[in-house]
């Protein structure tokens, strides 16, 4: 089975590399290019939600993971 890797970037998006299915709240699949990693918005300001469009760098979004 292929591996899925999820990386949360400080002050940026979530990267998902590997085969996943994105589903919206209505149970409908959200299409994307499965040959490349996807970047999911965390700042809420992207014009291409749920995908990141880089707006986090313009809206002063800050979120750093708490490290244990």
Protein backbone atom coordinates (compact mmCIF):
# COMPACT_ATOMS: atom_id res chain seq x y z
CA UNK A 1 0.00 0.00 0.00
CA UNK A 2 1.40 3.45 -0.91
CA UNK A 3 2.50 5.68 1.94
CA UNK A 4 0.85 9.00 2.73
CA UNK A 5 2.97 11.71 4.33
CA UNK A 6 1.43 14.79 5.98
CA UNK A 7 3.66 17.76 6.81
CA UNK A 8 2.45 20.81 8.72
CA UNK A 9 4.53 23.88 7.93
CA UNK A 10 4.97 26.59 10.57
CA UNK A 11 3.08 29.69 9.41
CA UNK A 12 2.01 27.92 6.24
CA UNK A 13 -0.02 25.13 4.68
CA UNK A 14 -0.38 21.41 5.25
CA UNK A 15 1.36 19.30 2.61
CA UNK A 16 -0.16 15.92 1.75
CA UNK A 17 2.01 13.62 -0.34
CA UNK A 18 0.61 10.30 -1.44
CA UNK A 19 -2.76 8.93 -2.46
CA UNK A 20 -5.68 10.48 -0.60
CA UNK A 21 -9.28 11.24 -1.44
CA UNK A 22 -10.50 14.75 -0.57
CA UNK A 23 -14.20 14.93 0.30
CA UNK A 24 -16.25 18.07 0.94
CA UNK A 25 -18.89 18.37 3.65
CA UNK A 26 -21.53 17.08 1.22
CA UNK A 27 -19.62 13.86 0.59
CA UNK A 28 -18.51 14.94 -2.89
CA UNK A 29 -14.97 14.24 -4.05
CA UNK A 30 -12.76 17.29 -4.62
CA UNK A 31 -10.65 16.65 -7.73
CA UNK A 32 -6.93 17.44 -7.85
CA UNK A 33 -3.77 16.35 -9.68
CA UNK A 34 -2.89 13.12 -7.88
CA UNK A 35 0.62 13.01 -9.35
CA UNK A 36 1.81 15.91 -7.15
CA UNK A 37 1.62 16.68 -3.41
CA UNK A 38 -1.26 18.94 -2.41
CA UNK A 39 -1.08 21.92 -0.09
CA UNK A 40 -4.10 22.62 2.08
CA UNK A 41 -4.88 26.10 3.40
CA UNK A 42 -4.68 26.75 7.14
CA UNK A 43 -5.07 30.53 7.17
CA UNK A 44 -8.62 30.56 5.77
CA UNK A 45 -7.81 33.31 3.26
CA UNK A 46 -6.99 31.28 0.14
CA UNK A 47 -8.93 32.07 -3.00
CA UNK A 48 -8.62 28.40 -4.00
CA UNK A 49 -9.89 26.64 -0.85
CA UNK A 50 -9.26 24.02 0.34
CA UNK A 51 -5.94 24.43 -1.46
CA UNK A 52 -3.25 26.92 -0.44
CA UNK A 53 -2.56 29.78 -2.85
CA UNK A 54 0.16 31.47 -0.78
CA UNK A 55 -2.12 34.11 0.75
CA UNK A 56 -0.89 33.18 4.25
CA UNK A 57 2.26 35.19 3.55
CA UNK A 58 0.20 38.30 2.77
CA UNK A 59 -2.33 38.11 5.63
CA UNK A 60 0.26 37.73 8.41
CA UNK A 61 -0.95 34.23 9.31
CA UNK A 62 1.01 32.73 12.17
CA UNK A 63 0.76 29.26 13.58
CA UNK A 64 3.73 27.40 14.97
CA UNK A 65 3.34 23.83 16.14
CA UNK A 66 3.81 23.15 19.82
CA UNK A 67 6.74 20.79 20.12
CA UNK A 68 6.83 18.17 22.86
